Amino acid sequence: MREIVANTFWKRLVGLIFWKKSDGPVRLIIPRCNAIHTCFMRRPVDVYFMDKDDNTMMGFLAVPPWRILYYRGAVSVHEELC
């Protein structure tokens, strides 16, 4: 699985919006983050909120477009295309 760290404003803004299923499996890692949106996404994403030790605190599977998710205490978020 390809991993992309969203460590710039542009990478955070664009995220996985333009990724297609044919591009293969991909995980977007968003450091210093505890909330995400799925606006403009073409397909659902799996979302995992992580603690400071990179353990999963909460996971949401197949989150559809146009949703906002927040998890208090999370320090990063991992997104994977479904």
N, C-alpha and C. Protein backbone atom coordinates (compact mmCIF):
# COMPACT_ATOMS: atom_id res chain seq x y z
N MET A 1 0.85 -1.18 0.00
CA MET A 1 0.00 0.00 0.00
C MET A 1 0.89 1.24 0.00
N ARG A 2 0.57 2.15 -0.88
CA ARG A 2 1.32 3.41 -0.95
C ARG A 2 0.85 4.33 0.18
N GLU A 3 1.80 4.95 0.88
CA GLU A 3 1.48 5.88 1.96
C GLU A 3 1.94 7.28 1.57
N ILE A 4 1.08 8.24 1.80
CA ILE A 4 1.38 9.64 1.55
C ILE A 4 1.19 10.41 2.84
N VAL A 5 2.19 11.16 3.25
CA VAL A 5 2.09 11.98 4.45
C VAL A 5 1.69 13.39 4.02
N ALA A 6 0.56 13.84 4.52
CA ALA A 6 0.05 15.18 4.18
C ALA A 6 0.69 16.19 5.12
N ASN A 7 1.92 16.56 4.81
CA ASN A 7 2.67 17.45 5.68
C ASN A 7 2.77 18.87 5.12
N THR A 8 2.02 19.16 4.06
CA THR A 8 1.98 20.52 3.52
C THR A 8 0.51 20.95 3.39
N PHE A 9 0.30 22.23 3.28
CA PHE A 9 -1.06 22.74 3.14
C PHE A 9 -1.74 22.14 1.91
N TRP A 10 -1.02 22.08 0.78
CA TRP A 10 -1.61 21.58 -0.46
C TRP A 10 -2.01 20.11 -0.34
N LYS A 11 -1.12 19.29 0.23
CA LYS A 11 -1.44 17.87 0.40
C LYS A 11 -2.64 17.66 1.32
N ARG A 12 -2.76 18.48 2.36
CA ARG A 12 -3.91 18.39 3.26
C ARG A 12 -5.20 18.83 2.55
N LEU A 13 -5.09 19.87 1.76
CA LEU A 13 -6.27 20.40 1.07
C LEU A 13 -6.80 19.41 0.04
N VAL A 14 -5.92 18.85 -0.77
CA VAL A 14 -6.33 17.95 -1.84
C VAL A 14 -6.62 16.55 -1.33
N GLY A 15 -5.79 16.05 -0.42
CA GLY A 15 -6.02 14.72 0.15
C GLY A 15 -6.12 13.65 -0.91
N LEU A 16 -7.18 12.85 -0.85
CA LEU A 16 -7.39 11.74 -1.78
C LEU A 16 -8.46 12.04 -2.83
N ILE A 17 -8.81 13.30 -2.98
CA ILE A 17 -9.92 13.68 -3.87
C ILE A 17 -9.74 13.14 -5.29
N PHE A 18 -8.55 13.22 -5.85
CA PHE A 18 -8.37 12.85 -7.25
C PHE A 18 -7.89 11.41 -7.46
N TRP A 19 -7.79 10.63 -6.39
CA TRP A 19 -7.35 9.24 -6.52
C TRP A 19 -8.49 8.38 -7.06
N LYS A 20 -8.14 7.46 -7.95
CA LYS A 20 -9.11 6.52 -8.51
C LYS A 20 -8.75 5.12 -8.04
N LYS A 21 -9.71 4.23 -8.12
CA LYS A 21 -9.49 2.84 -7.72
C LYS A 21 -8.34 2.22 -8.53
N SER A 22 -8.24 2.60 -9.79
CA SER A 22 -7.20 2.04 -10.66
C SER A 22 -5.79 2.50 -10.26
N ASP A 23 -5.68 3.53 -9.41
CA ASP A 23 -4.37 3.99 -8.93
C ASP A 23 -3.78 3.05 -7.89
N GLY A 24 -4.57 2.08 -7.43
CA GLY A 24 -4.09 1.13 -6.43
C GLY A 24 -4.37 1.59 -5.02
N PRO A 25 -4.06 0.73 -4.04
CA PRO A 25 -4.33 1.07 -2.65
C PRO A 25 -3.44 2.21 -2.16
N VAL A 26 -4.03 3.11 -1.39
CA VAL A 26 -3.29 4.26 -0.90
C VAL A 26 -3.80 4.62 0.50
N ARG A 27 -2.88 5.09 1.34
CA ARG A 27 -3.20 5.58 2.67
C ARG A 27 -2.67 6.99 2.81
N LEU A 28 -3.53 7.90 3.22
CA LEU A 28 -3.12 9.28 3.48
C LEU A 28 -2.98 9.44 4.98
N ILE A 29 -1.82 9.87 5.42
CA ILE A 29 -1.55 10.10 6.84
C ILE A 29 -1.53 11.61 7.08
N ILE A 30 -2.41 12.06 7.96
CA ILE A 30 -2.51 13.50 8.24
C ILE A 30 -2.06 13.74 9.67
N PRO A 31 -0.82 14.20 9.87
CA PRO A 31 -0.32 14.46 11.23
C PRO A 31 -0.95 15.73 11.82
N ARG A 32 -0.93 15.81 13.15
CA ARG A 32 -1.45 16.97 13.88
C ARG A 32 -2.88 17.30 13.45
N CYS A 33 -3.74 16.29 13.50
CA CYS A 33 -5.11 16.44 13.01
C CYS A 33 -6.05 15.58 13.84
N ASN A 34 -7.24 16.11 14.15
CA ASN A 34 -8.25 15.29 14.83
C ASN A 34 -9.63 15.44 14.19
N ALA A 35 -9.69 16.04 13.00
CA ALA A 35 -10.96 16.20 12.29
C ALA A 35 -10.70 16.18 10.79
N ILE A 36 -11.63 15.56 10.04
CA ILE A 36 -11.49 15.51 8.59
C ILE A 36 -12.86 15.73 7.95
N HIS A 37 -12.83 15.98 6.64
CA HIS A 37 -14.08 16.05 5.87
C HIS A 37 -13.89 15.18 4.63
N THR A 38 -15.00 14.76 4.06
CA THR A 38 -14.94 13.96 2.84
C THR A 38 -15.61 14.70 1.67
N CYS A 39 -15.62 16.00 1.76
CA CYS A 39 -16.21 16.81 0.68
C CYS A 39 -15.45 16.59 -0.62
N PHE A 40 -16.18 16.50 -1.70
CA PHE A 40 -15.65 16.35 -3.05
C PHE A 40 -15.02 14.97 -3.32
N MET A 41 -15.10 14.05 -2.37
CA MET A 41 -14.55 12.71 -2.61
C MET A 41 -15.38 11.99 -3.65
N ARG A 42 -14.73 11.15 -4.44
CA ARG A 42 -15.42 10.38 -5.48
C ARG A 42 -15.98 9.07 -4.93
N ARG A 43 -15.38 8.57 -3.86
CA ARG A 43 -15.83 7.31 -3.29
C ARG A 43 -15.57 7.30 -1.79
N PRO A 44 -16.14 6.34 -1.08
CA PRO A 44 -15.97 6.30 0.39
C PRO A 44 -14.52 6.05 0.80
N VAL A 45 -14.22 6.44 2.04
CA VAL A 45 -12.90 6.21 2.62
C VAL A 45 -13.06 5.58 4.00
N ASP A 46 -12.06 4.79 4.39
CA ASP A 46 -11.96 4.30 5.75
C ASP A 46 -11.11 5.33 6.50
N VAL A 47 -11.57 5.71 7.69
CA VAL A 47 -10.90 6.76 8.47
C VAL A 47 -10.52 6.20 9.83
N TYR A 48 -9.26 6.39 10.23
CA TYR A 48 -8.76 5.92 11.52
C TYR A 48 -8.13 7.08 12.27
N PHE A 49 -8.64 7.36 13.46
CA PHE A 49 -8.08 8.39 14.31
C PHE A 49 -7.04 7.73 15.22
N MET A 50 -5.85 8.33 15.26
CA MET A 50 -4.71 7.72 15.94
C MET A 50 -4.28 8.53 17.17
N ASP A 51 -3.72 7.83 18.17
CA ASP A 51 -3.18 8.51 19.35
C ASP A 51 -1.70 8.84 19.12
N LYS A 52 -1.05 9.37 20.16
CA LYS A 52 0.34 9.81 20.02
C LYS A 52 1.32 8.66 19.76
N ASP A 53 0.92 7.43 20.13
CA ASP A 53 1.77 6.26 19.89
C ASP A 53 1.40 5.54 18.59
N ASP A 54 0.57 6.17 17.77
CA ASP A 54 0.12 5.65 16.48
C ASP A 54 -0.75 4.40 16.63
N ASN A 55 -1.47 4.32 17.74
CA ASN A 55 -2.47 3.27 17.94
C ASN A 55 -3.83 3.80 17.52
N THR A 56 -4.66 2.95 16.96
CA THR A 56 -5.99 3.36 16.52
C THR A 56 -6.89 3.62 17.73
N MET A 57 -7.45 4.82 17.79
CA MET A 57 -8.40 5.18 18.84
C MET A 57 -9.82 4.88 18.39
N MET A 58 -10.12 5.18 17.13
CA MET A 58 -11.46 4.98 16.59
C MET A 58 -11.34 4.85 15.08
N GLY A 59 -12.13 3.96 14.50
CA GLY A 59 -12.14 3.78 13.06
C GLY A 59 -13.56 3.87 12.52
N PHE A 60 -13.69 4.45 11.36
CA PHE A 60 -14.97 4.55 10.67
C PHE A 60 -14.77 3.97 9.28
N LEU A 61 -15.58 2.99 8.91
CA LEU A 61 -15.42 2.30 7.64
C LEU A 61 -16.40 2.83 6.60
N ALA A 62 -15.91 2.95 5.38
CA ALA A 62 -16.73 3.36 4.22
C ALA A 62 -17.50 4.65 4.47
N VAL A 63 -16.80 5.67 4.92
CA VAL A 63 -17.42 6.98 5.15
C VAL A 63 -17.73 7.60 3.79
N PRO A 64 -19.00 7.91 3.53
CA PRO A 64 -19.37 8.44 2.21
C PRO A 64 -18.96 9.91 2.05
N PRO A 65 -19.02 10.41 0.82
CA PRO A 65 -18.71 11.82 0.59
C PRO A 65 -19.64 12.76 1.37
N TRP A 66 -19.13 13.97 1.60
CA TRP A 66 -19.87 15.06 2.26
C TRP A 66 -20.17 14.78 3.73
N ARG A 67 -19.17 14.23 4.42
CA ARG A 67 -19.28 14.01 5.87
C ARG A 67 -18.13 14.74 6.56
N ILE A 68 -18.35 15.08 7.84
CA ILE A 68 -17.32 15.66 8.69
C ILE A 68 -17.18 14.75 9.89
N LEU A 69 -15.93 14.36 10.21
CA LEU A 69 -15.66 13.50 11.36
C LEU A 69 -14.66 14.17 12.29
N TYR A 70 -14.85 13.95 13.58
CA TYR A 70 -13.99 14.52 14.61
C TYR A 70 -13.84 13.48 15.71
N TYR A 71 -12.63 13.37 16.28
CA TYR A 71 -12.46 12.49 17.43
C TYR A 71 -11.54 13.18 18.43
N ARG A 72 -12.08 13.51 19.57
CA ARG A 72 -11.34 14.23 20.60
C ARG A 72 -10.17 13.40 21.10
N GLY A 73 -9.03 14.02 21.19
CA GLY A 73 -7.83 13.37 21.70
C GLY A 73 -6.95 12.75 20.62
N ALA A 74 -7.44 12.65 19.41
CA ALA A 74 -6.62 12.09 18.33
C ALA A 74 -5.52 13.09 17.94
N VAL A 75 -4.38 12.57 17.54
CA VAL A 75 -3.27 13.45 17.13
C VAL A 75 -2.94 13.30 15.66
N SER A 76 -3.50 12.29 15.01
CA SER A 76 -3.33 12.15 13.55
C SER A 76 -4.50 11.31 13.01
N VAL A 77 -4.64 11.36 11.70
CA VAL A 77 -5.71 10.63 11.02
C VAL A 77 -5.11 9.88 9.84
N HIS A 78 -5.56 8.64 9.64
CA HIS A 78 -5.20 7.86 8.47
C HIS A 78 -6.47 7.66 7.65
N GLU A 79 -6.37 7.91 6.36
CA GLU A 79 -7.50 7.69 5.44
C GLU A 79 -7.07 6.67 4.39
N GLU A 80 -7.96 5.74 4.09
CA GLU A 80 -7.71 4.75 3.04
C GLU A 80 -8.90 4.70 2.12
N LEU A 81 -8.66 4.65 0.82
CA LEU A 81 -9.74 4.53 -0.15
C LEU A 81 -10.37 3.15 -0.06
N CYS A 82 -11.68 3.06 -0.19
CA CYS A 82 -12.39 1.78 -0.17
C CYS A 82 -12.39 1.17 -1.55
